[in-house]
Amino acid sequence: MEPFEEQIRHDLHQYLLSLNEIDERLPECPDVEQKWENIARSYLPDGIREFNDFPSASLGWMMYIGMALAKLWDAEWNVFSTTDDLYLYLRDNRGYDHLDEYVREDVLQLSDTDYDDLEKLVGECASRLYNALMRQRFEPGTKEAFNAFLACLHQLYLMGAAVQLKRMGFHMTAV
């Protein structure tokens, strides 16, 4: 893992750990992790297009996607594991602009305080990574800037899955 990705992974891990949203040991969910490349490839055109005007959404939506995949993995993975493009499946239910609401309402089935609390959590995580990305002062449009953006998306995806797995009762402890 590149130093920048390791840095943001550590920051997100510590932040989420301080809120008791994840365990010290992050979960291993190879089924969800194996979907990362296809999800990223499909998401990048939308995420890049939206980044300049809506950086928190561009980043935060990936955390919602990670959470959604963890939920789908637990609920009906035999059905969803064969879906060609899980990102398009999630996005096309309400469109890109409402992906967050679709995941919170229809996939995670949240309402009231839980719905609002998750919006704040994802917003803070996305904001933290956006700030970390901006502090690096990568020249826009460069390979380094692209790779750093991708690293942010990757960590948000993995942490989203970790948060949702814990919320569903999966706890990672040393044996």
N, C-alpha and C. Protein backbone atom coordinates (compact mmCIF):
# COMPACT_ATOMS: atom_id res chain seq x y z
N MET A 1 0.85 -1.17 0.00
CA MET A 1 0.00 0.00 0.00
C MET A 1 0.90 1.24 0.00
N GLU A 2 0.52 2.21 -0.78
CA GLU A 2 1.28 3.46 -0.86
C GLU A 2 1.19 4.23 0.46
N PRO A 3 2.19 5.07 0.74
CA PRO A 3 2.18 5.82 2.01
C PRO A 3 0.92 6.68 2.23
N PHE A 4 0.44 7.36 1.18
CA PHE A 4 -0.75 8.19 1.35
C PHE A 4 -1.95 7.32 1.71
N GLU A 5 -2.12 6.20 1.03
CA GLU A 5 -3.26 5.34 1.34
C GLU A 5 -3.14 4.77 2.74
N GLU A 6 -1.95 4.42 3.15
CA GLU A 6 -1.74 3.92 4.52
C GLU A 6 -2.10 5.00 5.54
N GLN A 7 -1.72 6.24 5.25
CA GLN A 7 -2.01 7.37 6.14
C GLN A 7 -3.51 7.57 6.30
N ILE A 8 -4.24 7.58 5.20
CA ILE A 8 -5.68 7.82 5.30
C ILE A 8 -6.40 6.61 5.90
N ARG A 9 -5.88 5.44 5.63
CA ARG A 9 -6.46 4.23 6.25
C ARG A 9 -6.34 4.32 7.77
N HIS A 10 -5.15 4.69 8.23
CA HIS A 10 -4.92 4.81 9.67
C HIS A 10 -5.82 5.89 10.28
N ASP A 11 -5.92 7.04 9.62
CA ASP A 11 -6.75 8.12 10.13
C ASP A 11 -8.22 7.69 10.22
N LEU A 12 -8.75 7.12 9.16
CA LEU A 12 -10.15 6.67 9.18
C LEU A 12 -10.37 5.58 10.23
N HIS A 13 -9.43 4.66 10.30
CA HIS A 13 -9.56 3.58 11.29
C HIS A 13 -9.62 4.14 12.70
N GLN A 14 -8.71 5.05 13.03
CA GLN A 14 -8.69 5.63 14.37
C GLN A 14 -9.95 6.44 14.66
N TYR A 15 -10.39 7.19 13.67
CA TYR A 15 -11.60 7.99 13.85
C TYR A 15 -12.81 7.09 14.10
N LEU A 16 -13.00 6.10 13.27
CA LEU A 16 -14.15 5.20 13.41
C LEU A 16 -14.05 4.36 14.68
N LEU A 17 -12.86 4.00 15.06
CA LEU A 17 -12.63 3.26 16.30
C LEU A 17 -13.02 4.13 17.50
N SER A 18 -12.68 5.41 17.46
CA SER A 18 -13.01 6.32 18.57
C SER A 18 -14.52 6.47 18.74
N LEU A 19 -15.28 6.25 17.68
CA LEU A 19 -16.74 6.34 17.74
C LEU A 19 -17.39 4.98 17.97
N ASN A 20 -16.56 3.94 18.13
CA ASN A 20 -17.03 2.57 18.30
C ASN A 20 -17.85 2.09 17.09
N GLU A 21 -17.49 2.58 15.91
CA GLU A 21 -18.16 2.17 14.67
C GLU A 21 -17.50 0.96 14.03
N ILE A 22 -16.27 0.66 14.44
CA ILE A 22 -15.55 -0.52 13.95
C ILE A 22 -14.77 -1.11 15.12
N ASP A 23 -14.28 -2.31 14.90
CA ASP A 23 -13.44 -2.95 15.90
C ASP A 23 -11.98 -2.63 15.62
N GLU A 24 -11.13 -2.88 16.60
CA GLU A 24 -9.69 -2.65 16.43
C GLU A 24 -9.18 -3.42 15.22
N ARG A 25 -9.58 -4.67 15.14
CA ARG A 25 -9.19 -5.49 13.99
C ARG A 25 -10.27 -5.36 12.93
N LEU A 26 -9.86 -4.93 11.76
CA LEU A 26 -10.82 -4.75 10.67
C LEU A 26 -11.28 -6.10 10.13
N PRO A 27 -12.52 -6.17 9.70
CA PRO A 27 -13.05 -7.45 9.20
C PRO A 27 -12.43 -7.83 7.85
N GLU A 28 -12.48 -9.10 7.60
CA GLU A 28 -12.08 -9.62 6.30
C GLU A 28 -13.33 -10.15 5.63
N CYS A 29 -13.62 -9.59 4.48
CA CYS A 29 -14.80 -10.02 3.73
C CYS A 29 -14.38 -10.10 2.26
N PRO A 30 -13.70 -11.18 1.90
CA PRO A 30 -13.15 -11.30 0.55
C PRO A 30 -14.19 -11.12 -0.56
N ASP A 31 -15.42 -11.54 -0.33
CA ASP A 31 -16.44 -11.39 -1.38
C ASP A 31 -16.66 -9.92 -1.72
N VAL A 32 -16.75 -9.08 -0.70
CA VAL A 32 -16.95 -7.64 -0.92
C VAL A 32 -15.66 -7.01 -1.45
N GLU A 33 -14.52 -7.40 -0.91
CA GLU A 33 -13.25 -6.85 -1.36
C GLU A 33 -12.99 -7.17 -2.83
N GLN A 34 -13.40 -8.35 -3.28
CA GLN A 34 -13.19 -8.74 -4.68
C GLN A 34 -14.01 -7.90 -5.65
N LYS A 35 -15.05 -7.26 -5.19
CA LYS A 35 -15.89 -6.43 -6.05
C LYS A 35 -15.30 -5.03 -6.24
N TRP A 36 -14.27 -4.68 -5.46
CA TRP A 36 -13.72 -3.33 -5.49
C TRP A 36 -13.33 -2.85 -6.89
N GLU A 37 -12.56 -3.62 -7.60
CA GLU A 37 -12.08 -3.16 -8.91
C GLU A 37 -13.21 -2.86 -9.87
N ASN A 38 -14.20 -3.73 -9.94
CA ASN A 38 -15.34 -3.48 -10.82
C ASN A 38 -16.15 -2.28 -10.37
N ILE A 39 -16.34 -2.15 -9.06
CA ILE A 39 -17.07 -1.01 -8.52
C ILE A 39 -16.32 0.28 -8.88
N ALA A 40 -15.02 0.30 -8.63
CA ALA A 40 -14.22 1.50 -8.89
C ALA A 40 -14.26 1.87 -10.38
N ARG A 41 -14.07 0.89 -11.21
CA ARG A 41 -14.06 1.14 -12.66
C ARG A 41 -15.38 1.76 -13.12
N SER A 42 -16.46 1.26 -12.59
CA SER A 42 -17.77 1.75 -12.96
C SER A 42 -18.07 3.11 -12.33
N TYR A 43 -17.60 3.33 -11.11
CA TYR A 43 -17.89 4.55 -10.37
C TYR A 43 -17.06 5.75 -10.84
N LEU A 44 -15.85 5.53 -11.27
CA LEU A 44 -14.93 6.63 -11.56
C LEU A 44 -15.48 7.71 -12.50
N PRO A 45 -16.15 7.39 -13.60
CA PRO A 45 -16.67 8.48 -14.43
C PRO A 45 -17.61 9.42 -13.67
N ASP A 46 -18.47 8.88 -12.83
CA ASP A 46 -19.37 9.71 -12.03
C ASP A 46 -18.61 10.44 -10.93
N GLY A 47 -17.76 9.71 -10.22
CA GLY A 47 -17.03 10.30 -9.11
C GLY A 47 -16.10 11.42 -9.53
N ILE A 48 -15.41 11.23 -10.62
CA ILE A 48 -14.49 12.27 -11.13
C ILE A 48 -15.29 13.49 -11.60
N ARG A 49 -16.36 13.25 -12.33
CA ARG A 49 -17.18 14.35 -12.84
C ARG A 49 -17.72 15.21 -11.70
N GLU A 50 -18.11 14.62 -10.60
CA GLU A 50 -18.72 15.34 -9.49
C GLU A 50 -17.73 15.93 -8.49
N PHE A 51 -16.47 15.51 -8.56
CA PHE A 51 -15.50 15.87 -7.52
C PHE A 51 -15.31 17.37 -7.34
N ASN A 52 -15.15 18.13 -8.41
CA ASN A 52 -14.87 19.56 -8.26
C ASN A 52 -16.00 20.32 -7.59
N ASP A 53 -17.23 20.01 -7.93
CA ASP A 53 -18.37 20.74 -7.36
C ASP A 53 -18.88 20.14 -6.06
N PHE A 54 -18.74 18.83 -5.92
CA PHE A 54 -19.29 18.13 -4.75
C PHE A 54 -18.30 17.09 -4.23
N PRO A 55 -17.15 17.52 -3.71
CA PRO A 55 -16.13 16.55 -3.30
C PRO A 55 -16.58 15.60 -2.19
N SER A 56 -17.36 16.10 -1.24
CA SER A 56 -17.80 15.22 -0.15
C SER A 56 -18.74 14.14 -0.65
N ALA A 57 -19.60 14.48 -1.60
CA ALA A 57 -20.48 13.47 -2.18
C ALA A 57 -19.68 12.50 -3.03
N SER A 58 -18.78 13.01 -3.84
CA SER A 58 -17.96 12.17 -4.70
C SER A 58 -17.20 11.13 -3.88
N LEU A 59 -16.69 11.52 -2.76
CA LEU A 59 -15.97 10.60 -1.88
C LEU A 59 -16.93 9.78 -1.02
N GLY A 60 -17.88 10.45 -0.40
CA GLY A 60 -18.76 9.79 0.55
C GLY A 60 -19.64 8.71 -0.05
N TRP A 61 -20.03 8.89 -1.31
CA TRP A 61 -20.89 7.88 -1.94
C TRP A 61 -20.20 6.52 -1.93
N MET A 62 -18.86 6.52 -2.00
CA MET A 62 -18.17 5.23 -2.00
C MET A 62 -18.28 4.54 -0.65
N MET A 63 -18.37 5.29 0.42
CA MET A 63 -18.56 4.66 1.72
C MET A 63 -19.94 4.03 1.79
N TYR A 64 -20.94 4.72 1.25
CA TYR A 64 -22.28 4.14 1.18
C TYR A 64 -22.28 2.86 0.34
N ILE A 65 -21.54 2.86 -0.74
CA ILE A 65 -21.47 1.68 -1.60
C ILE A 65 -20.86 0.51 -0.84
N GLY A 66 -19.79 0.77 -0.08
CA GLY A 66 -19.20 -0.28 0.74
C GLY A 66 -20.18 -0.84 1.76
N MET A 67 -20.96 0.05 2.37
CA MET A 67 -21.97 -0.39 3.33
C MET A 67 -23.05 -1.21 2.65
N ALA A 68 -23.47 -0.75 1.48
CA ALA A 68 -24.52 -1.47 0.75
C ALA A 68 -24.05 -2.86 0.37
N LEU A 69 -22.81 -2.98 -0.10
CA LEU A 69 -22.33 -4.30 -0.49
C LEU A 69 -22.21 -5.23 0.71
N ALA A 70 -21.81 -4.71 1.86
CA ALA A 70 -21.75 -5.55 3.06
C ALA A 70 -23.15 -6.05 3.42
N LYS A 71 -24.13 -5.18 3.30
CA LYS A 71 -25.52 -5.57 3.60
C LYS A 71 -26.01 -6.61 2.60
N LEU A 72 -25.74 -6.37 1.31
CA LEU A 72 -26.15 -7.33 0.29
C LEU A 72 -25.43 -8.67 0.46
N TRP A 73 -24.17 -8.61 0.89
CA TRP A 73 -23.40 -9.84 1.13
C TRP A 73 -24.08 -10.66 2.22
N ASP A 74 -24.55 -10.01 3.26
CA ASP A 74 -25.17 -10.72 4.37
C ASP A 74 -26.58 -11.19 4.01
N ALA A 75 -27.28 -10.44 3.19
CA ALA A 75 -28.69 -10.74 2.92
C ALA A 75 -28.89 -11.73 1.78
N GLU A 76 -28.33 -11.42 0.63
CA GLU A 76 -28.61 -12.23 -0.57
C GLU A 76 -27.42 -12.29 -1.52
N TRP A 77 -26.27 -12.63 -1.00
CA TRP A 77 -25.06 -12.61 -1.83
C TRP A 77 -25.15 -13.58 -3.00
N ASN A 78 -25.86 -14.68 -2.82
CA ASN A 78 -26.00 -15.64 -3.92
C ASN A 78 -26.66 -14.98 -5.14
N VAL A 79 -27.50 -13.99 -4.92
CA VAL A 79 -28.14 -13.25 -6.01
C VAL A 79 -27.22 -12.13 -6.50
N PHE A 80 -26.71 -11.32 -5.57
CA PHE A 80 -25.97 -10.12 -5.95
C PHE A 80 -24.53 -10.39 -6.39
N SER A 81 -23.97 -11.50 -6.00
CA SER A 81 -22.58 -11.80 -6.41
C SER A 81 -22.46 -11.97 -7.91
N THR A 82 -23.54 -12.29 -8.57
CA THR A 82 -23.50 -12.49 -10.02
C THR A 82 -23.98 -11.27 -10.81
N THR A 83 -24.38 -10.22 -10.10
CA THR A 83 -24.81 -8.99 -10.77
C THR A 83 -23.61 -8.39 -11.48
N ASP A 84 -23.77 -8.10 -12.77
CA ASP A 84 -22.66 -7.61 -13.58
C ASP A 84 -22.03 -6.34 -13.03
N ASP A 85 -22.84 -5.36 -12.70
CA ASP A 85 -22.32 -4.07 -12.25
C ASP A 85 -23.11 -3.61 -11.05
N LEU A 86 -22.59 -3.90 -9.87
CA LEU A 86 -23.30 -3.56 -8.64
C LEU A 86 -23.39 -2.05 -8.43
N TYR A 87 -22.40 -1.30 -8.89
CA TYR A 87 -22.50 0.15 -8.76
C TYR A 87 -23.69 0.66 -9.57
N LEU A 88 -23.79 0.25 -10.82
CA LEU A 88 -24.92 0.70 -11.65
C LEU A 88 -26.25 0.25 -11.05
N TYR A 89 -26.28 -0.95 -10.50
CA TYR A 89 -27.49 -1.44 -9.84
C TYR A 89 -27.92 -0.49 -8.73
N LEU A 90 -26.96 -0.08 -7.89
CA LEU A 90 -27.28 0.83 -6.78
C LEU A 90 -27.63 2.23 -7.30
N ARG A 91 -26.82 2.73 -8.21
CA ARG A 91 -27.02 4.09 -8.71
C ARG A 91 -28.34 4.25 -9.46
N ASP A 92 -28.66 3.30 -10.28
CA ASP A 92 -29.79 3.46 -11.18
C ASP A 92 -31.15 3.32 -10.52
N ASN A 93 -31.18 2.96 -9.25
CA ASN A 93 -32.47 2.92 -8.56
C ASN A 93 -33.06 4.31 -8.37
N ARG A 94 -32.21 5.31 -8.07
CA ARG A 94 -32.69 6.68 -7.91
C ARG A 94 -31.80 7.71 -8.59
N GLY A 95 -30.71 7.27 -9.17
CA GLY A 95 -29.78 8.19 -9.81
C GLY A 95 -28.62 8.53 -8.88
N TYR A 96 -27.57 9.05 -9.45
CA TYR A 96 -26.35 9.36 -8.70
C TYR A 96 -26.63 10.32 -7.54
N ASP A 97 -27.39 11.38 -7.80
CA ASP A 97 -27.61 12.41 -6.79
C ASP A 97 -28.32 11.88 -5.54
N HIS A 98 -29.03 10.80 -5.68
CA HIS A 98 -29.80 10.26 -4.54
C HIS A 98 -29.31 8.88 -4.10
N LEU A 99 -28.09 8.55 -4.47
CA LEU A 99 -27.51 7.25 -4.09
C LEU A 99 -27.46 7.10 -2.57
N ASP A 100 -27.08 8.17 -1.88
CA ASP A 100 -27.00 8.11 -0.42
C ASP A 100 -28.35 7.79 0.21
N GLU A 101 -29.38 8.45 -0.28
CA GLU A 101 -30.72 8.21 0.27
C GLU A 101 -31.20 6.80 -0.04
N TYR A 102 -30.93 6.34 -1.25
CA TYR A 102 -31.34 4.98 -1.61
C TYR A 102 -30.67 3.95 -0.69
N VAL A 103 -29.38 4.10 -0.46
CA VAL A 103 -28.68 3.14 0.40
C VAL A 103 -29.23 3.21 1.82
N ARG A 104 -29.37 4.41 2.36
CA ARG A 104 -29.86 4.52 3.74
C ARG A 104 -31.28 4.02 3.90
N GLU A 105 -32.15 4.36 2.96
CA GLU A 105 -33.56 4.00 3.10
C GLU A 105 -33.87 2.57 2.66
N ASP A 106 -33.47 2.23 1.45
CA ASP A 106 -33.91 0.96 0.86
C ASP A 106 -32.97 -0.21 1.13
N VAL A 107 -31.67 0.04 1.14
CA VAL A 107 -30.74 -1.07 1.36
C VAL A 107 -30.54 -1.30 2.85
N LEU A 108 -30.18 -0.24 3.58
CA LEU A 108 -29.92 -0.39 5.01
C LEU A 108 -31.19 -0.26 5.85
N GLN A 109 -32.25 0.25 5.26
CA GLN A 109 -33.56 0.41 5.90
C GLN A 109 -33.48 1.20 7.20
N LEU A 110 -32.84 2.37 7.11
CA LEU A 110 -32.71 3.25 8.26
C LEU A 110 -33.78 4.32 8.22
N SER A 111 -34.09 4.85 9.37
CA SER A 111 -35.00 5.99 9.45
C SER A 111 -34.63 6.82 10.67
N ASP A 112 -35.20 8.00 10.72
CA ASP A 112 -35.08 8.90 11.86
C ASP A 112 -33.63 9.17 12.24
N THR A 113 -33.30 8.96 13.51
CA THR A 113 -31.99 9.30 14.04
C THR A 113 -30.88 8.50 13.37
N ASP A 114 -31.08 7.20 13.15
CA ASP A 114 -30.05 6.38 12.51
C ASP A 114 -29.74 6.89 11.11
N TYR A 115 -30.76 7.29 10.40
CA TYR A 115 -30.61 7.83 9.04
C TYR A 115 -29.74 9.09 9.07
N ASP A 116 -30.07 10.02 9.97
CA ASP A 116 -29.34 11.27 10.09
C ASP A 116 -27.92 11.05 10.62
N ASP A 117 -27.78 10.16 11.59
CA ASP A 117 -26.46 9.89 12.16
C ASP A 117 -25.52 9.31 11.12
N LEU A 118 -26.04 8.43 10.28
CA LEU A 118 -25.18 7.85 9.24
C LEU A 118 -24.77 8.91 8.22
N GLU A 119 -25.68 9.81 7.89
CA GLU A 119 -25.34 10.89 6.97
C GLU A 119 -24.20 11.74 7.54
N LYS A 120 -24.25 12.03 8.82
CA LYS A 120 -23.18 12.81 9.47
C LYS A 120 -21.87 12.04 9.50
N LEU A 121 -21.94 10.76 9.81
CA LEU A 121 -20.73 9.93 9.87
C LEU A 121 -20.05 9.87 8.51
N VAL A 122 -20.79 9.57 7.48
CA VAL A 122 -20.21 9.48 6.14
C VAL A 122 -19.68 10.85 5.71
N GLY A 123 -20.42 11.89 6.01
CA GLY A 123 -19.96 13.24 5.66
C GLY A 123 -18.65 13.58 6.33
N GLU A 124 -18.51 13.22 7.59
CA GLU A 124 -17.26 13.50 8.31
C GLU A 124 -16.10 12.68 7.74
N CYS A 125 -16.34 11.43 7.44
CA CYS A 125 -15.28 10.59 6.86
C CYS A 125 -14.83 11.14 5.50
N ALA A 126 -15.79 11.51 4.67
CA ALA A 126 -15.47 12.07 3.36
C ALA A 126 -14.73 13.39 3.51
N SER A 127 -15.14 14.20 4.44
CA SER A 127 -14.49 15.48 4.69
C SER A 127 -13.05 15.30 5.16
N ARG A 128 -12.83 14.34 6.03
CA ARG A 128 -11.48 14.06 6.51
C ARG A 128 -10.56 13.68 5.35
N LEU A 129 -11.08 12.83 4.46
CA LEU A 129 -10.23 12.40 3.36
C LEU A 129 -10.05 13.50 2.32
N TYR A 130 -11.06 14.30 2.10
CA TYR A 130 -10.92 15.43 1.20
C TYR A 130 -9.83 16.38 1.72
N ASN A 131 -9.86 16.68 3.01
CA ASN A 131 -8.84 17.55 3.60
C ASN A 131 -7.45 16.94 3.47
N ALA A 132 -7.34 15.64 3.72
CA ALA A 132 -6.04 14.96 3.58
C ALA A 132 -5.56 15.04 2.14
N LEU A 133 -6.47 14.86 1.21
CA LEU A 133 -6.13 14.92 -0.21
C LEU A 133 -5.67 16.32 -0.60
N MET A 134 -6.35 17.33 -0.14
CA MET A 134 -5.98 18.71 -0.47
C MET A 134 -4.65 19.11 0.15
N ARG A 135 -4.35 18.61 1.32
CA ARG A 135 -3.06 18.92 1.97
C ARG A 135 -1.88 18.36 1.19
N GLN A 136 -2.12 17.36 0.36
CA GLN A 136 -1.04 16.77 -0.43
C GLN A 136 -0.64 17.68 -1.60
N ARG A 137 -1.53 18.58 -1.98
CA ARG A 137 -1.26 19.54 -3.06
C ARG A 137 -0.84 18.88 -4.37
N PHE A 138 -1.53 17.82 -4.71
CA PHE A 138 -1.29 17.17 -6.00
C PHE A 138 -1.76 18.09 -7.11
N GLU A 139 -1.02 18.12 -8.19
CA GLU A 139 -1.45 18.91 -9.34
C GLU A 139 -2.65 18.22 -9.98
N PRO A 140 -3.77 18.95 -10.12
CA PRO A 140 -4.97 18.35 -10.71
C PRO A 140 -4.68 17.76 -12.09
N GLY A 141 -5.29 16.63 -12.36
CA GLY A 141 -5.15 15.98 -13.66
C GLY A 141 -3.93 15.12 -13.82
N THR A 142 -3.12 15.01 -12.77
CA THR A 142 -1.91 14.18 -12.86
C THR A 142 -2.20 12.76 -12.40
N LYS A 143 -1.30 11.88 -12.74
CA LYS A 143 -1.41 10.48 -12.32
C LYS A 143 -1.42 10.39 -10.79
N GLU A 144 -0.59 11.21 -10.13
CA GLU A 144 -0.52 11.19 -8.67
C GLU A 144 -1.86 11.61 -8.06
N ALA A 145 -2.47 12.65 -8.63
CA ALA A 145 -3.77 13.11 -8.12
C ALA A 145 -4.83 12.02 -8.31
N PHE A 146 -4.83 11.39 -9.47
CA PHE A 146 -5.79 10.32 -9.74
C PHE A 146 -5.59 9.16 -8.76
N ASN A 147 -4.35 8.73 -8.57
CA ASN A 147 -4.07 7.62 -7.68
C ASN A 147 -4.45 7.94 -6.23
N ALA A 148 -4.25 9.18 -5.82
CA ALA A 148 -4.63 9.58 -4.46
C ALA A 148 -6.15 9.58 -4.31
N PHE A 149 -6.86 10.07 -5.31
CA PHE A 149 -8.33 10.05 -5.30
C PHE A 149 -8.82 8.61 -5.21
N LEU A 150 -8.22 7.74 -6.01
CA LEU A 150 -8.59 6.33 -6.00
C LEU A 150 -8.30 5.70 -4.64
N ALA A 151 -7.19 6.06 -4.01
CA ALA A 151 -6.86 5.55 -2.68
C ALA A 151 -7.93 5.98 -1.66
N CYS A 152 -8.39 7.22 -1.77
CA CYS A 152 -9.45 7.70 -0.87
C CYS A 152 -10.72 6.88 -1.07
N LEU A 153 -11.10 6.68 -2.32
CA LEU A 153 -12.29 5.89 -2.61
C LEU A 153 -12.16 4.48 -2.05
N HIS A 154 -10.99 3.88 -2.25
CA HIS A 154 -10.76 2.51 -1.80
C HIS A 154 -10.93 2.40 -0.28
N GLN A 155 -10.34 3.32 0.45
CA GLN A 155 -10.43 3.25 1.90
C GLN A 155 -11.85 3.54 2.39
N LEU A 156 -12.55 4.44 1.74
CA LEU A 156 -13.94 4.69 2.12
C LEU A 156 -14.81 3.47 1.85
N TYR A 157 -14.57 2.80 0.76
CA TYR A 157 -15.29 1.57 0.42
C TYR A 157 -15.07 0.51 1.51
N LEU A 158 -13.80 0.28 1.84
CA LEU A 158 -13.46 -0.74 2.84
C LEU A 158 -14.00 -0.39 4.23
N MET A 159 -13.87 0.89 4.61
CA MET A 159 -14.37 1.30 5.93
C MET A 159 -15.89 1.27 5.97
N GLY A 160 -16.53 1.60 4.86
CA GLY A 160 -17.99 1.49 4.80
C GLY A 160 -18.43 0.06 5.05
N ALA A 161 -17.76 -0.87 4.40
CA ALA A 161 -18.08 -2.29 4.60
C ALA A 161 -17.82 -2.69 6.05
N ALA A 162 -16.71 -2.23 6.62
CA ALA A 162 -16.37 -2.58 8.00
C ALA A 162 -17.42 -2.04 8.98
N VAL A 163 -17.85 -0.80 8.78
CA VAL A 163 -18.88 -0.21 9.65
C VAL A 163 -20.16 -1.02 9.57
N GLN A 164 -20.57 -1.34 8.36
CA GLN A 164 -21.83 -2.08 8.21
C GLN A 164 -21.73 -3.49 8.78
N LEU A 165 -20.62 -4.15 8.57
CA LEU A 165 -20.46 -5.49 9.13
C LEU A 165 -20.58 -5.46 10.65
N LYS A 166 -19.96 -4.47 11.28
CA LYS A 166 -20.07 -4.37 12.74
C LYS A 166 -21.52 -4.08 13.14
N ARG A 167 -22.18 -3.21 12.41
CA ARG A 167 -23.56 -2.89 12.73
C ARG A 167 -24.47 -4.11 12.61
N MET A 168 -24.09 -5.06 11.77
CA MET A 168 -24.89 -6.27 11.60
C MET A 168 -24.47 -7.36 12.59
N GLY A 169 -23.51 -7.05 13.46
CA GLY A 169 -23.13 -7.99 14.50
C GLY A 169 -21.89 -8.80 14.22
N PHE A 170 -21.18 -8.52 13.16
CA PHE A 170 -19.93 -9.22 12.89
C PHE A 170 -18.81 -8.48 13.63
N HIS A 171 -18.17 -9.15 14.56
CA HIS A 171 -17.10 -8.53 15.34
C HIS A 171 -15.81 -9.30 15.11
N MET A 172 -14.76 -8.54 14.91
CA MET A 172 -13.46 -9.16 14.66
C MET A 172 -12.64 -9.08 15.94
N THR A 173 -12.28 -10.25 16.45
CA THR A 173 -11.45 -10.32 17.64
C THR A 173 -10.36 -11.34 17.40
N ALA A 174 -9.25 -11.14 18.08
CA ALA A 174 -8.14 -12.08 17.95
C ALA A 174 -8.55 -13.40 18.62
N VAL A 175 -8.13 -14.51 18.01
CA VAL A 175 -8.44 -15.82 18.58
C VAL A 175 -7.21 -16.44 19.18
